PDB file of all heavy atoms in Angstrom:
ATOM      1  N   ASN A   1      11.310  15.258   0.193  1.00  0.00           N
ATOM      2  CA  ASN A   1      11.566  15.958   1.466  1.00  0.00           C
ATOM      3  C   ASN A   1      10.378  16.633   2.061  1.00  0.00           C
ATOM      4  O   ASN A   1      10.326  16.917   3.230  1.00  0.00           O
ATOM      5  CB  ASN A   1      12.786  16.907   1.348  1.00  0.00           C
ATOM      6  CG  ASN A   1      14.039  16.260   1.059  1.00  0.00           C
ATOM      7  OD1 ASN A   1      14.414  15.208   1.497  1.00  0.00           O
ATOM      8  ND2 ASN A   1      14.892  16.993   0.315  1.00  0.00           N
ATOM      9  N   SER A   2       9.278  16.821   1.153  1.00  0.00           N
ATOM     10  CA  SER A   2       8.167  17.549   1.636  1.00  0.00           C
ATOM     11  C   SER A   2       6.970  16.781   1.801  1.00  0.00           C
ATOM     12  O   SER A   2       5.848  17.225   2.072  1.00  0.00           O
ATOM     13  CB  SER A   2       7.837  18.646   0.604  1.00  0.00           C
ATOM     14  OG  SER A   2       7.427  18.208  -0.588  1.00  0.00           O
ATOM     15  N   VAL A   3       7.083  15.484   1.736  1.00  0.00           N
ATOM     16  CA  VAL A   3       5.933  14.514   1.876  1.00  0.00           C
ATOM     17  C   VAL A   3       6.293  13.347   2.751  1.00  0.00           C
ATOM     18  O   VAL A   3       7.477  13.013   2.963  1.00  0.00           O
ATOM     19  CB  VAL A   3       5.553  14.053   0.465  1.00  0.00           C
ATOM     20  CG1 VAL A   3       4.956  15.094  -0.445  1.00  0.00           C
ATOM     21  CG2 VAL A   3       6.484  13.170  -0.290  1.00  0.00           C
ATOM     22  N   ALA A   4       5.209  12.680   3.338  1.00  0.00           N
ATOM     23  CA  ALA A   4       5.342  11.457   4.008  1.00  0.00           C
ATOM     24  C   ALA A   4       4.409  10.468   3.293  1.00  0.00           C
ATOM     25  O   ALA A   4       3.235  10.650   3.416  1.00  0.00           O
ATOM     26  CB  ALA A   4       4.974  11.636   5.495  1.00  0.00           C
ATOM     27  N   LEU A   5       5.089   9.446   2.730  1.00  0.00           N
ATOM     28  CA  LEU A   5       4.247   8.501   1.922  1.00  0.00           C
ATOM     29  C   LEU A   5       3.518   7.620   2.929  1.00  0.00           C
ATOM     30  O   LEU A   5       3.993   7.202   4.037  1.00  0.00           O
ATOM     31  CB  LEU A   5       5.188   7.687   1.070  1.00  0.00           C
ATOM     32  CG  LEU A   5       5.847   8.372  -0.041  1.00  0.00           C
ATOM     33  CD1 LEU A   5       6.853   7.464  -0.753  1.00  0.00           C
ATOM     34  CD2 LEU A   5       4.863   8.973  -1.044  1.00  0.00           C
ATOM     35  N   CYS A   6       2.325   7.203   2.515  1.00  0.00           N
ATOM     36  CA  CYS A   6       1.510   6.180   3.279  1.00  0.00           C
ATOM     37  C   CYS A   6       2.269   4.913   3.347  1.00  0.00           C
ATOM     38  O   CYS A   6       2.892   4.428   2.411  1.00  0.00           O
ATOM     39  CB  CYS A   6       0.154   5.988   2.619  1.00  0.00           C
ATOM     40  SG  CYS A   6      -0.877   7.369   2.645  1.00  0.00           S
ATOM     41  N   PRO A   7       2.472   4.303   4.522  1.00  0.00           N
ATOM     42  CA  PRO A   7       3.283   3.103   4.747  1.00  0.00           C
ATOM     43  C   PRO A   7       2.908   1.767   3.924  1.00  0.00           C
ATOM     44  O   PRO A   7       3.621   0.981   3.684  1.00  0.00           O
ATOM     45  CB  PRO A   7       3.266   2.865   6.249  1.00  0.00           C
ATOM     46  CG  PRO A   7       2.002   3.488   6.692  1.00  0.00           C
ATOM     47  CD  PRO A   7       1.846   4.687   5.796  1.00  0.00           C
ATOM     48  N   GLU A   8       1.458   1.725   3.660  1.00  0.00           N
ATOM     49  CA  GLU A   8       1.057   0.558   2.978  1.00  0.00           C
ATOM     50  C   GLU A   8       1.355   0.535   1.389  1.00  0.00           C
ATOM     51  O   GLU A   8       1.136  -0.354   0.790  1.00  0.00           O
ATOM     52  CB  GLU A   8      -0.473   0.458   3.141  1.00  0.00           C
ATOM     53  CG  GLU A   8      -1.237   1.513   2.601  1.00  0.00           C
ATOM     54  CD  GLU A   8      -1.557   2.665   3.698  1.00  0.00           C
ATOM     55  OE1 GLU A   8      -0.835   2.643   4.619  1.00  0.00           O
ATOM     56  OE2 GLU A   8      -2.556   3.424   3.606  1.00  0.00           O
ATOM     57  N   LEU A   9       1.864   1.611   0.963  1.00  0.00           N
ATOM     58  CA  LEU A   9       2.228   1.713  -0.477  1.00  0.00           C
ATOM     59  C   LEU A   9       3.394   0.714  -0.771  1.00  0.00           C
ATOM     60  O   LEU A   9       4.321   0.592  -0.079  1.00  0.00           O
ATOM     61  CB  LEU A   9       2.640   3.159  -0.921  1.00  0.00           C
ATOM     62  CG  LEU A   9       1.633   4.198  -0.807  1.00  0.00           C
ATOM     63  CD1 LEU A   9       2.173   5.588  -1.043  1.00  0.00           C
ATOM     64  CD2 LEU A   9       0.430   4.028  -1.798  1.00  0.00           C
ATOM     65  N   ASN A  10       3.215   0.119  -1.962  1.00  0.00           N
ATOM     66  CA  ASN A  10       4.282  -0.993  -2.297  1.00  0.00           C
ATOM     67  C   ASN A  10       5.113  -0.454  -3.403  1.00  0.00           C
ATOM     68  O   ASN A  10       4.706  -0.577  -4.708  1.00  0.00           O
ATOM     69  CB  ASN A  10       3.393  -2.268  -2.833  1.00  0.00           C
ATOM     70  CG  ASN A  10       4.414  -3.346  -3.024  1.00  0.00           C
ATOM     71  OD1 ASN A  10       5.519  -3.398  -2.507  1.00  0.00           O
ATOM     72  ND2 ASN A  10       4.001  -4.363  -3.785  1.00  0.00           N
ATOM     73  N   GLY A  11       6.264   0.079  -3.074  1.00  0.00           N
ATOM     74  CA  GLY A  11       7.251   0.656  -4.059  1.00  0.00           C
ATOM     75  C   GLY A  11       8.456   1.013  -3.496  1.00  0.00           C
ATOM     76  O   GLY A  11       8.856   0.804  -2.296  1.00  0.00           O
ATOM     77  N   ASP A  12       9.240   1.720  -4.260  1.00  0.00           N
ATOM     78  CA  ASP A  12      10.528   2.226  -3.804  1.00  0.00           C
ATOM     79  C   ASP A  12      11.159   3.287  -4.680  1.00  0.00           C
ATOM     80  O   ASP A  12      10.656   3.502  -5.862  1.00  0.00           O
ATOM     81  CB  ASP A  12      11.535   1.039  -3.797  1.00  0.00           C
ATOM     82  CG  ASP A  12      12.707   1.179  -2.838  1.00  0.00           C
ATOM     83  OD1 ASP A  12      12.826   2.342  -2.245  1.00  0.00           O
ATOM     84  OD2 ASP A  12      13.596   0.359  -2.672  1.00  0.00           O
ATOM     85  N   PHE A  13      12.201   3.987  -4.244  1.00  0.00           N
ATOM     86  CA  PHE A  13      12.941   5.101  -5.117  1.00  0.00           C
ATOM     87  C   PHE A  13      13.899   4.282  -6.040  1.00  0.00           C
ATOM     88  O   PHE A  13      14.664   3.493  -5.489  1.00  0.00           O
ATOM     89  CB  PHE A  13      13.529   6.044  -4.242  1.00  0.00           C
ATOM     90  CG  PHE A  13      12.664   6.980  -3.552  1.00  0.00           C
ATOM     91  CD1 PHE A  13      12.174   6.845  -2.227  1.00  0.00           C
ATOM     92  CD2 PHE A  13      12.218   8.113  -4.268  1.00  0.00           C
ATOM     93  CE1 PHE A  13      11.316   7.750  -1.708  1.00  0.00           C
ATOM     94  CE2 PHE A  13      11.258   9.082  -3.631  1.00  0.00           C
ATOM     95  CZ  PHE A  13      10.835   8.778  -2.384  1.00  0.00           C
ATOM     96  N   ILE A  14      13.693   4.546  -7.255  1.00  0.00           N
ATOM     97  CA  ILE A  14      14.582   3.866  -8.279  1.00  0.00           C
ATOM     98  C   ILE A  14      15.203   4.873  -9.230  1.00  0.00           C
ATOM     99  O   ILE A  14      14.588   5.814  -9.607  1.00  0.00           O
ATOM    100  CB  ILE A  14      13.775   2.828  -9.109  1.00  0.00           C
ATOM    101  CG1 ILE A  14      13.066   1.774  -8.167  1.00  0.00           C
ATOM    102  CG2 ILE A  14      14.561   2.170 -10.181  1.00  0.00           C
ATOM    103  CD1 ILE A  14      12.060   0.889  -8.878  1.00  0.00           C
ATOM    104  N   ASP A  15      16.454   4.681  -9.509  1.00  0.00           N
ATOM    105  CA  ASP A  15      17.083   5.460 -10.501  1.00  0.00           C
ATOM    106  C   ASP A  15      16.416   5.453 -11.882  1.00  0.00           C
ATOM    107  O   ASP A  15      16.078   4.353 -12.318  1.00  0.00           O
ATOM    108  CB  ASP A  15      18.591   5.013 -10.685  1.00  0.00           C
ATOM    109  CG  ASP A  15      19.370   5.974 -11.512  1.00  0.00           C
ATOM    110  OD1 ASP A  15      19.102   6.158 -12.717  1.00  0.00           O
ATOM    111  OD2 ASP A  15      20.340   6.540 -11.027  1.00  0.00           O
ATOM    112  N   LEU A  16      16.111   6.548 -12.492  1.00  0.00           N
ATOM    113  CA  LEU A  16      15.377   6.577 -13.655  1.00  0.00           C
ATOM    114  C   LEU A  16      15.910   5.728 -14.798  1.00  0.00           C
ATOM    115  O   LEU A  16      15.118   5.141 -15.581  1.00  0.00           O
ATOM    116  CB  LEU A  16      15.283   8.136 -14.262  1.00  0.00           C
ATOM    117  CG  LEU A  16      14.216   8.387 -15.223  1.00  0.00           C
ATOM    118  CD1 LEU A  16      12.804   7.843 -14.836  1.00  0.00           C
ATOM    119  CD2 LEU A  16      14.138   9.854 -15.594  1.00  0.00           C
ATOM    120  N   ARG A  17      17.220   5.544 -14.831  1.00  0.00           N
ATOM    121  CA  ARG A  17      17.883   4.716 -15.938  1.00  0.00           C
ATOM    122  C   ARG A  17      17.421   3.247 -15.715  1.00  0.00           C
ATOM    123  O   ARG A  17      17.283   2.577 -16.810  1.00  0.00           O
ATOM    124  CB  ARG A  17      19.395   4.747 -15.813  1.00  0.00           C
ATOM    125  CG  ARG A  17      20.012   6.140 -16.045  1.00  0.00           C
ATOM    126  CD  ARG A  17      21.481   6.042 -15.813  1.00  0.00           C
ATOM    127  NE  ARG A  17      22.112   7.368 -15.981  1.00  0.00           N
ATOM    128  CZ  ARG A  17      22.665   7.860 -17.130  1.00  0.00           C
ATOM    129  NH1 ARG A  17      22.544   7.254 -18.202  1.00  0.00           N
ATOM    130  NH2 ARG A  17      23.259   9.122 -17.168  1.00  0.00           N
ATOM    131  N   GLN A  18      17.000   2.818 -14.667  1.00  0.00           N
ATOM    132  CA  GLN A  18      16.644   1.426 -14.402  1.00  0.00           C
ATOM    133  C   GLN A  18      15.238   1.100 -15.011  1.00  0.00           C
ATOM    134  O   GLN A  18      15.030  -0.066 -15.204  1.00  0.00           O
ATOM    135  CB  GLN A  18      16.688   1.088 -12.944  1.00  0.00           C
ATOM    136  CG  GLN A  18      18.109   1.172 -12.313  1.00  0.00           C
ATOM    137  CD  GLN A  18      18.127   0.829 -10.890  1.00  0.00           C
ATOM    138  OE1 GLN A  18      17.334   0.035 -10.378  1.00  0.00           O
ATOM    139  NE2 GLN A  18      19.074   1.295 -10.061  1.00  0.00           N
ATOM    140  N   VAL A  19      14.512   2.140 -15.179  1.00  0.00           N
ATOM    141  CA  VAL A  19      13.130   1.887 -15.612  1.00  0.00           C
ATOM    142  C   VAL A  19      12.889   2.384 -17.077  1.00  0.00           C
ATOM    143  O   VAL A  19      11.828   2.370 -17.617  1.00  0.00           O
ATOM    144  CB  VAL A  19      12.011   2.452 -14.785  1.00  0.00           C
ATOM    145  CG1 VAL A  19      12.085   1.746 -13.316  1.00  0.00           C
ATOM    146  CG2 VAL A  19      12.205   3.964 -14.584  1.00  0.00           C
ATOM    147  N   ILE A  20      13.923   2.944 -17.714  1.00  0.00           N
ATOM    148  CA  ILE A  20      13.882   3.600 -18.962  1.00  0.00           C
ATOM    149  C   ILE A  20      13.318   2.636 -20.071  1.00  0.00           C
ATOM    150  O   ILE A  20      12.605   2.973 -20.872  1.00  0.00           O
ATOM    151  CB  ILE A  20      15.083   4.199 -19.425  1.00  0.00           C
ATOM    152  CG1 ILE A  20      14.894   5.162 -20.673  1.00  0.00           C
ATOM    153  CG2 ILE A  20      16.188   3.123 -19.810  1.00  0.00           C
ATOM    154  CD1 ILE A  20      16.157   5.962 -20.972  1.00  0.00           C
ATOM    155  N   THR A  21      13.562   1.270 -19.908  1.00  0.00           N
ATOM    156  CA  THR A  21      13.086   0.378 -20.896  1.00  0.00           C
ATOM    157  C   THR A  21      11.733  -0.209 -20.494  1.00  0.00           C
ATOM    158  O   THR A  21      11.123  -0.876 -21.369  1.00  0.00           O
ATOM    159  CB  THR A  21      14.031  -0.838 -21.063  1.00  0.00           C
ATOM    160  OG1 THR A  21      14.279  -1.421 -19.703  1.00  0.00           O
ATOM    161  CG2 THR A  21      15.422  -0.277 -21.452  1.00  0.00           C
ATOM    162  N   GLU A  22      11.222  -0.106 -19.316  1.00  0.00           N
ATOM    163  CA  GLU A  22      10.105  -0.530 -18.788  1.00  0.00           C
ATOM    164  C   GLU A  22       8.864   0.415 -18.762  1.00  0.00           C
ATOM    165  O   GLU A  22       7.805   0.148 -19.243  1.00  0.00           O
ATOM    166  CB  GLU A  22      10.219  -1.196 -17.392  1.00  0.00           C
ATOM    167  CG  GLU A  22      11.367  -2.091 -17.331  1.00  0.00           C
ATOM    168  CD  GLU A  22      11.028  -3.398 -17.894  1.00  0.00           C
ATOM    169  OE1 GLU A  22       9.845  -3.636 -18.071  1.00  0.00           O
ATOM    170  OE2 GLU A  22      11.997  -4.109 -18.208  1.00  0.00           O
ATOM    171  N   CYS A  23       9.153   1.644 -18.472  1.00  0.00           N
ATOM    172  CA  CYS A  23       8.131   2.642 -18.309  1.00  0.00           C
ATOM    173  C   CYS A  23       7.483   3.073 -19.605  1.00  0.00           C
ATOM    174  O   CYS A  23       8.280   3.241 -20.684  1.00  0.00           O
ATOM    175  CB  CYS A  23       8.650   3.892 -17.633  1.00  0.00           C
ATOM    176  SG  CYS A  23       7.439   5.025 -16.982  1.00  0.00           S
ATOM    177  N   GLU A  24       6.156   3.284 -19.724  1.00  0.00           N
ATOM    178  CA  GLU A  24       5.596   3.828 -20.839  1.00  0.00           C
ATOM    179  C   GLU A  24       6.180   5.069 -21.316  1.00  0.00           C
ATOM    180  O   GLU A  24       6.581   5.956 -20.536  1.00  0.00           O
ATOM    181  CB  GLU A  24       4.168   4.140 -20.421  1.00  0.00           C
ATOM    182  CG  GLU A  24       3.269   4.620 -21.670  1.00  0.00           C
ATOM    183  CD  GLU A  24       1.925   5.076 -21.314  1.00  0.00           C
ATOM    184  OE1 GLU A  24       1.441   4.583 -20.230  1.00  0.00           O
ATOM    185  OE2 GLU A  24       1.282   5.876 -21.796  1.00  0.00           O
ATOM    186  N   PHE A  25       6.383   5.328 -22.723  1.00  0.00           N
ATOM    187  CA  PHE A  25       7.159   6.324 -23.138  1.00  0.00           C
ATOM    188  C   PHE A  25       6.718   7.732 -22.721  1.00  0.00           C
ATOM    189  O   PHE A  25       7.526   8.512 -22.169  1.00  0.00           O
ATOM    190  CB  PHE A  25       7.073   6.335 -24.710  1.00  0.00           C
ATOM    191  CG  PHE A  25       7.885   7.487 -25.413  1.00  0.00           C
ATOM    192  CD1 PHE A  25       9.269   7.343 -25.508  1.00  0.00           C
ATOM    193  CD2 PHE A  25       7.247   8.603 -25.891  1.00  0.00           C
ATOM    194  CE1 PHE A  25      10.076   8.357 -26.064  1.00  0.00           C
ATOM    195  CE2 PHE A  25       7.973   9.571 -26.459  1.00  0.00           C
ATOM    196  CZ  PHE A  25       9.391   9.479 -26.605  1.00  0.00           C
ATOM    197  N   THR A  26       5.327   8.002 -22.706  1.00  0.00           N
ATOM    198  CA  THR A  26       4.868   9.269 -22.226  1.00  0.00           C
ATOM    199  C   THR A  26       5.101   9.533 -20.795  1.00  0.00           C
ATOM    200  O   THR A  26       5.504  10.530 -20.382  1.00  0.00           O
ATOM    201  CB  THR A  26       3.260   9.369 -22.544  1.00  0.00           C
ATOM    202  OG1 THR A  26       3.068   9.152 -23.937  1.00  0.00           O
ATOM    203  CG2 THR A  26       2.739  10.735 -22.044  1.00  0.00           C
ATOM    204  N   LEU A  27       4.894   8.501 -19.967  1.00  0.00           N
ATOM    205  CA  LEU A  27       5.146   8.510 -18.538  1.00  0.00           C
ATOM    206  C   LEU A  27       6.685   8.785 -18.249  1.00  0.00           C
ATOM    207  O   LEU A  27       7.020   9.575 -17.313  1.00  0.00           O
ATOM    208  CB  LEU A  27       4.658   7.420 -17.792  1.00  0.00           C
ATOM    209  CG  LEU A  27       3.158   7.274 -17.678  1.00  0.00           C
ATOM    210  CD1 LEU A  27       2.729   5.964 -17.045  1.00  0.00           C
ATOM    211  CD2 LEU A  27       2.516   8.426 -16.944  1.00  0.00           C
ATOM    212  N   PHE A  28       7.480   8.192 -19.049  1.00  0.00           N
ATOM    213  CA  PHE A  28       8.876   8.420 -18.938  1.00  0.00           C
ATOM    214  C   PHE A  28       9.271   9.788 -19.081  1.00  0.00           C
ATOM    215  O   PHE A  28      10.165  10.504 -18.452  1.00  0.00           O
ATOM    216  CB  PHE A  28       9.683   7.439 -19.767  1.00  0.00           C
ATOM    217  CG  PHE A  28      11.286   7.822 -19.739  1.00  0.00           C
ATOM    218  CD1 PHE A  28      11.957   7.348 -18.728  1.00  0.00           C
ATOM    219  CD2 PHE A  28      11.824   8.558 -20.712  1.00  0.00           C
ATOM    220  CE1 PHE A  28      13.307   7.651 -18.645  1.00  0.00           C
ATOM    221  CE2 PHE A  28      13.269   8.848 -20.609  1.00  0.00           C
ATOM    222  CZ  PHE A  28      13.873   8.339 -19.575  1.00  0.00           C
ATOM    223  N   GLY A  29       8.588  10.388 -20.164  1.00  0.00           N
ATOM    224  CA  GLY A  29       8.824  11.881 -20.458  1.00  0.00           C
ATOM    225  C   GLY A  29       8.431  12.709 -19.261  1.00  0.00           C
ATOM    226  O   GLY A  29       9.141  13.692 -18.892  1.00  0.00           O
ATOM    227  N   PHE A  30       7.352  12.365 -18.618  1.00  0.00           N
ATOM    228  CA  PHE A  30       6.917  13.113 -17.367  1.00  0.00           C
ATOM    229  C   PHE A  30       7.944  12.872 -16.237  1.00  0.00           C
ATOM    230  O   PHE A  30       8.254  13.861 -15.461  1.00  0.00           O
ATOM    231  CB  PHE A  30       5.556  12.622 -16.951  1.00  0.00           C
ATOM    232  CG  PHE A  30       4.443  13.335 -17.704  1.00  0.00           C
ATOM    233  CD1 PHE A  30       3.569  12.584 -18.458  1.00  0.00           C
ATOM    234  CD2 PHE A  30       4.212  14.656 -17.621  1.00  0.00           C
ATOM    235  CE1 PHE A  30       2.481  13.155 -19.137  1.00  0.00           C
ATOM    236  CE2 PHE A  30       3.225  15.345 -18.285  1.00  0.00           C
ATOM    237  CZ  PHE A  30       2.328  14.641 -18.966  1.00  0.00           C
ATOM    238  N   ALA A  31       8.469  11.726 -16.139  1.00  0.00           N
ATOM    239  CA  ALA A  31       9.458  11.396 -15.080  1.00  0.00           C
ATOM    240  C   ALA A  31      10.766  12.299 -15.316  1.00  0.00           C
ATOM    241  O   ALA A  31      11.320  12.779 -14.331  1.00  0.00           O
ATOM    242  CB  ALA A  31       9.705   9.857 -15.133  1.00  0.00           C
ATOM    243  N   ALA A  32      11.134  12.323 -16.573  1.00  0.00           N
ATOM    244  CA  ALA A  32      12.304  13.009 -16.942  1.00  0.00           C
ATOM    245  C   ALA A  32      12.098  14.542 -16.575  1.00  0.00           C
ATOM    246  O   ALA A  32      13.007  15.188 -15.974  1.00  0.00           O
ATOM    247  CB  ALA A  32      12.695  12.879 -18.343  1.00  0.00           C
ATOM    248  N   LYS A  33      11.045  15.071 -16.937  1.00  0.00           N
ATOM    249  CA  LYS A  33      10.684  16.395 -16.733  1.00  0.00           C
ATOM    250  C   LYS A  33      10.562  16.756 -15.140  1.00  0.00           C
ATOM    251  O   LYS A  33      10.969  17.640 -14.649  1.00  0.00           O
ATOM    252  CB  LYS A  33       9.296  16.828 -17.360  1.00  0.00           C
ATOM    253  CG  LYS A  33       8.971  18.250 -17.192  1.00  0.00           C
ATOM    254  CD  LYS A  33       7.645  18.587 -17.961  1.00  0.00           C
ATOM    255  CE  LYS A  33       7.716  18.275 -19.380  1.00  0.00           C
ATOM    256  NZ  LYS A  33       6.385  18.801 -20.055  1.00  0.00           N
ATOM    257  N   SER A  34      10.000  15.763 -14.435  1.00  0.00           N
ATOM    258  CA  SER A  34       9.789  15.949 -12.922  1.00  0.00           C
ATOM    259  C   SER A  34      11.248  16.033 -12.250  1.00  0.00           C
ATOM    260  O   SER A  34      11.422  16.926 -11.477  1.00  0.00           O
ATOM    261  CB  SER A  34       9.176  14.715 -12.446  1.00  0.00           C
ATOM    262  OG  SER A  34       9.042  14.777 -10.998  1.00  0.00           O
ATOM    263  N   ILE A  35      12.174  15.207 -12.676  1.00  0.00           N
ATOM    264  CA  ILE A  35      13.587  15.263 -12.003  1.00  0.00           C
ATOM    265  C   ILE A  35      14.164  16.570 -12.369  1.00  0.00           C
ATOM    266  O   ILE A  35      14.795  17.184 -11.558  1.00  0.00           O
ATOM    267  CB  ILE A  35      14.392  13.990 -12.586  1.00  0.00           C
ATOM    268  CG1 ILE A  35      13.915  12.790 -11.787  1.00  0.00           C
ATOM    269  CG2 ILE A  35      15.809  14.256 -12.377  1.00  0.00           C
ATOM    270  CD1 ILE A  35      14.795  11.595 -12.153  1.00  0.00           C
ATOM    271  N   GLN A  36      14.089  16.912 -13.635  1.00  0.00           N
ATOM    272  CA  GLN A  36      14.693  18.283 -14.065  1.00  0.00           C
ATOM    273  C   GLN A  36      14.110  19.435 -13.426  1.00  0.00           C
ATOM    274  O   GLN A  36      14.816  20.405 -12.936  1.00  0.00           O
ATOM    275  CB  GLN A  36      14.685  18.396 -15.488  1.00  0.00           C
ATOM    276  CG  GLN A  36      15.576  17.322 -16.251  1.00  0.00           C
ATOM    277  CD  GLN A  36      15.257  17.403 -17.773  1.00  0.00           C
ATOM    278  OE1 GLN A  36      16.106  18.286 -18.478  1.00  0.00           O
ATOM    279  NE2 GLN A  36      14.440  16.721 -18.328  1.00  0.00           N
ATOM    280  N   PHE A  37      12.732  19.482 -13.187  1.00  0.00           N
ATOM    281  CA  PHE A  37      12.026  20.573 -12.592  1.00  0.00           C
ATOM    282  C   PHE A  37      12.444  20.636 -11.144  1.00  0.00           C
ATOM    283  O   PHE A  37      12.679  21.751 -10.582  1.00  0.00           O
ATOM    284  CB  PHE A  37      10.517  20.472 -12.754  1.00  0.00           C
ATOM    285  CG  PHE A  37      10.196  20.911 -14.178  1.00  0.00           C
ATOM    286  CD1 PHE A  37      11.003  21.315 -15.130  1.00  0.00           C
ATOM    287  CD2 PHE A  37       8.852  20.861 -14.503  1.00  0.00           C
ATOM    288  CE1 PHE A  37      10.706  21.650 -16.429  1.00  0.00           C
ATOM    289  CE2 PHE A  37       8.364  21.310 -15.767  1.00  0.00           C
ATOM    290  CZ  PHE A  37       9.353  21.716 -16.739  1.00  0.00           C
ATOM    291  N   GLN A  38      12.385  19.472 -10.422  1.00  0.00           N
ATOM    292  CA  GLN A  38      12.699  19.509  -8.957  1.00  0.00           C
ATOM    293  C   GLN A  38      14.201  19.865  -8.719  1.00  0.00           C
ATOM    294  O   GLN A  38      14.507  20.567  -7.773  1.00  0.00           O
ATOM    295  CB  GLN A  38      12.490  18.019  -8.365  1.00  0.00           C
ATOM    296  CG  GLN A  38      11.046  17.713  -8.401  1.00  0.00           C
ATOM    297  CD  GLN A  38      10.196  18.520  -7.302  1.00  0.00           C
ATOM    298  OE1 GLN A  38      10.774  19.204  -6.426  1.00  0.00           O
ATOM    299  NE2 GLN A  38       8.969  18.407  -7.479  1.00  0.00           N
ATOM    300  N   HIS A  39      15.065  19.552  -9.632  1.00  0.00           N
ATOM    301  CA  HIS A  39      16.438  19.889  -9.577  1.00  0.00           C
ATOM    302  C   HIS A  39      16.589  21.410  -9.785  1.00  0.00           C
ATOM    303  O   HIS A  39      17.363  22.100  -8.933  1.00  0.00           O
ATOM    304  CB  HIS A  39      17.278  19.257 -10.683  1.00  0.00           C
ATOM    305  CG  HIS A  39      18.788  19.611 -10.704  1.00  0.00           C
ATOM    306  ND1 HIS A  39      19.256  20.621 -11.351  1.00  0.00           N
ATOM    307  CD2 HIS A  39      19.837  18.969  -9.975  1.00  0.00           C
ATOM    308  CE1 HIS A  39      20.612  20.713 -11.122  1.00  0.00           C
ATOM    309  NE2 HIS A  39      20.879  19.703 -10.367  1.00  0.00           N
ATOM    310  N   PHE A  40      15.803  22.025 -10.625  1.00  0.00           N
ATOM    311  CA  PHE A  40      15.787  23.536 -10.795  1.00  0.00           C
ATOM    312  C   PHE A  40      15.215  24.158  -9.428  1.00  0.00           C
ATOM    313  O   PHE A  40      15.897  25.077  -9.010  1.00  0.00           O
ATOM    314  CB  PHE A  40      14.859  23.858 -11.945  1.00  0.00           C
ATOM    315  CG  PHE A  40      14.487  25.280 -11.929  1.00  0.00           C
ATOM    316  CD1 PHE A  40      15.430  26.284 -12.378  1.00  0.00           C
ATOM    317  CD2 PHE A  40      13.123  25.602 -11.586  1.00  0.00           C
ATOM    318  CE1 PHE A  40      15.013  27.592 -12.321  1.00  0.00           C
ATOM    319  CE2 PHE A  40      12.907  27.053 -11.733  1.00  0.00           C
ATOM    320  CZ  PHE A  40      13.721  27.991 -11.933  1.00  0.00           C
ATOM    321  N   VAL A  41      14.254  23.669  -8.880  1.00  0.00           N
ATOM    322  CA  VAL A  41      13.677  24.276  -7.640  1.00  0.00           C
ATOM    323  C   VAL A  41      14.776  24.176  -6.484  1.00  0.00           C
ATOM    324  O   VAL A  41      14.973  25.174  -5.767  1.00  0.00           O
ATOM    325  CB  VAL A  41      12.413  23.583  -7.296  1.00  0.00           C
ATOM    326  CG1 VAL A  41      11.890  24.090  -5.816  1.00  0.00           C
ATOM    327  CG2 VAL A  41      11.319  23.884  -8.308  1.00  0.00           C
ATOM    328  N   GLU A  42      15.461  23.068  -6.385  1.00  0.00           N
ATOM    329  CA  GLU A  42      16.384  22.912  -5.336  1.00  0.00           C
ATOM    330  C   GLU A  42      17.671  23.758  -5.499  1.00  0.00           C
ATOM    331  O   GLU A  42      18.312  24.111  -4.563  1.00  0.00           O
ATOM    332  CB  GLU A  42      16.848  21.419  -5.200  1.00  0.00           C
ATOM    333  CG  GLU A  42      15.753  20.529  -4.617  1.00  0.00           C
ATOM    334  CD  GLU A  42      15.410  20.913  -3.134  1.00  0.00           C
ATOM    335  OE1 GLU A  42      16.384  20.867  -2.411  1.00  0.00           O
ATOM    336  OE2 GLU A  42      14.287  21.245  -2.907  1.00  0.00           O
ATOM    337  N   THR A  43      18.008  24.058  -6.746  1.00  0.00           N
ATOM    338  CA  THR A  43      19.287  24.685  -6.971  1.00  0.00           C
ATOM    339  C   THR A  43      19.038  26.224  -7.249  1.00  0.00           C
ATOM    340  O   THR A  43      20.006  26.895  -7.657  1.00  0.00           O
ATOM    341  CB  THR A  43      20.061  24.119  -8.195  1.00  0.00           C
ATOM    342  OG1 THR A  43      19.108  24.059  -9.379  1.00  0.00           O
ATOM    343  CG2 THR A  43      20.493  22.730  -7.818  1.00  0.00           C
ATOM    344  N   HIS A  44      17.848  26.596  -7.281  1.00  0.00           N
ATOM    345  CA  HIS A  44      17.611  28.094  -7.531  1.00  0.00           C
ATOM    346  C   HIS A  44      16.847  28.635  -6.432  1.00  0.00           C
ATOM    347  O   HIS A  44      15.793  29.467  -6.680  1.00  0.00           O
ATOM    348  CB  HIS A  44      16.925  28.263  -8.844  1.00  0.00           C
ATOM    349  CG  HIS A  44      17.774  27.989 -10.090  1.00  0.00           C
ATOM    350  ND1 HIS A  44      18.123  26.786 -10.447  1.00  0.00           N
ATOM    351  CD2 HIS A  44      18.427  28.819 -10.873  1.00  0.00           C
ATOM    352  CE1 HIS A  44      18.952  26.807 -11.489  1.00  0.00           C
ATOM    353  NE2 HIS A  44      19.167  28.059 -11.774  1.00  0.00           N
ATOM    354  N   LYS A  45      17.197  28.413  -5.143  1.00  0.00           N
ATOM    355  CA  LYS A  45      16.520  29.023  -3.956  1.00  0.00           C
ATOM    356  C   LYS A  45      16.943  30.515  -3.825  1.00  0.00           C
ATOM    357  O   LYS A  45      16.214  31.276  -3.223  1.00  0.00           O
ATOM    358  CB  LYS A  45      16.797  28.270  -2.722  1.00  0.00           C
ATOM    359  CG  LYS A  45      16.131  26.898  -2.838  1.00  0.00           C
ATOM    360  CD  LYS A  45      16.452  26.149  -1.524  1.00  0.00           C
ATOM    361  CE  LYS A  45      15.831  24.658  -1.478  1.00  0.00           C
ATOM    362  NZ  LYS A  45      16.090  23.902  -0.315  1.00  0.00           N
ATOM    363  N   PHE A  46      18.174  30.808  -4.258  1.00  0.00           N
ATOM    364  CA  PHE A  46      18.795  32.089  -4.162  1.00  0.00           C
ATOM    365  C   PHE A  46      19.164  32.701  -5.442  1.00  0.00           C
ATOM    366  O   PHE A  46      19.725  31.940  -6.322  1.00  0.00           O
ATOM    367  CB  PHE A  46      19.846  32.092  -3.122  1.00  0.00           C
ATOM    368  CG  PHE A  46      19.360  31.676  -1.732  1.00  0.00           C
ATOM    369  CD1 PHE A  46      19.592  30.332  -1.278  1.00  0.00           C
ATOM    370  CD2 PHE A  46      18.949  32.564  -0.811  1.00  0.00           C
ATOM    371  CE1 PHE A  46      19.154  29.848  -0.127  1.00  0.00           C
ATOM    372  CE2 PHE A  46      18.515  32.130   0.435  1.00  0.00           C
ATOM    373  CZ  PHE A  46      18.556  30.815   0.827  1.00  0.00           C
TER     374      PHE A  46
END
């Protein structure tokens, strides 16, 4: 919600479950942490 992606980028938003078998283990850990941290920020504004 806080960014505008460059239009020439080649990708899409994907449910994390769909890439759990493909993504490198360390990067998947960062992805998991990212979702949890962003969820925290969104649900603890007050």
